[in-house]
């Protein structure tokens, strides 16, 4: 990590145990971080954050069990003061409790990097700082996502063709090859730069404009697929289907026409469907999904395990992929319950003869564990952040060149695009 970048980080350590707090501060200093503040509990931490001489904080490392104000109450207050701070939870409590607090914090809107079961190790802290830098690289160009756009602004952007698919690569765990990518919507705003979906998808859904948006994204993704194939990258691209689209009995025909008009074989397009989407207007949804599968499209059950009908969906929809949600993948190396869920999902996919896809892979430990579990395909920041079609093509070329020279050096090595 570049020294200048590290020195500019502002970190607050909230820990009531004096010796452990000093050890963490020492570790941070050894990583080249000089701007480290300390607090013995949540109250002290809030007072420290109110100090105008303190620069903008980047990361908070927070214990849970502390006197006067515990970590849970502190995180609640933190969500109100500075929700886009990166937070690492530290605790000697059992794994399930740490996981529960992590989910609580995320529900409050806190940006959780992960959790460390004390005593903390230098390698863990370094990994979370690297993750913060990766995430900040994308957030720095989409800071307006934290503010409210109006529906009119979004519709104007749609009319002016300002929305594009960004591609995040998927890597086969056994061969190390790039086998596909997920197309993720981004708004190229003329004033605020690249905006993430959280700023505009809810507005489009509430206005009933998701069908138009879905077809636009599919058309652009199909054209990208054609360009990639023409340039020697014979991979599949995944596109999300909106919740409302599946009730239209003409949907399969519309999707098929868009893809074939781009001269793309449907076998190269995977349609990702959330559990709740497939529950909307069940008969029409099943008709559409069966017809799409019959025509060669891949079908992926997205965010598997986050809804209430996972098992039922797998029995009635001809899925070709089971996509394990990142909320289970994240920290599965440190949390036994998450590890069991991920491993069970992979085993279920194998027995159903569908591919297992793990999303949100962010570090070497998760990559190694998923490979041991015989997961088929992974995607996440450990491989690369989502990127434009040109950047994605360049990434594929560089990746494949590295594989040819030394396949083992590429598999499991962080290759995020610059």
Foldseek 3Di string as FASTA:
>chain_A
DDLVVQQPAAEEEAAQDVVLSVVVVVLSVVVNHDRYHYHNALVRVVVVVVPPVRDDHAEYEAEADGPPHGPLNSLLVCLVVPQAHEYEYEYQDAQVVLLVSVVVSVVSRHHYLYYHNPPDDSVVVVLSVVVSVLVCVVCVLAVCLVPADDLVVVVVQVVVVQKAWFWFWKAFQPQRAGAETETAIWGQDPPRGTHHPSRHVVSCVVVVNVVVVQLVHLLRVLLLQLVCVVVPNNHAYEGEDDLPQQQDLCSLVSSVCSNVVSVHQLLRYEYEYEPNSCVPNPVSNLNSQVSSVVSNHAYEHPCQPPDDCNVVCLVRGPHQEYEHHLSLLGCLLPHVVSVVVLLVSCVVCVVSNHAYEYEADRALSSSVSCVVSVHTMYTHQQAEDTHDSVQVSVLNVVLVVVCVVPVVVNNSHRRYGD
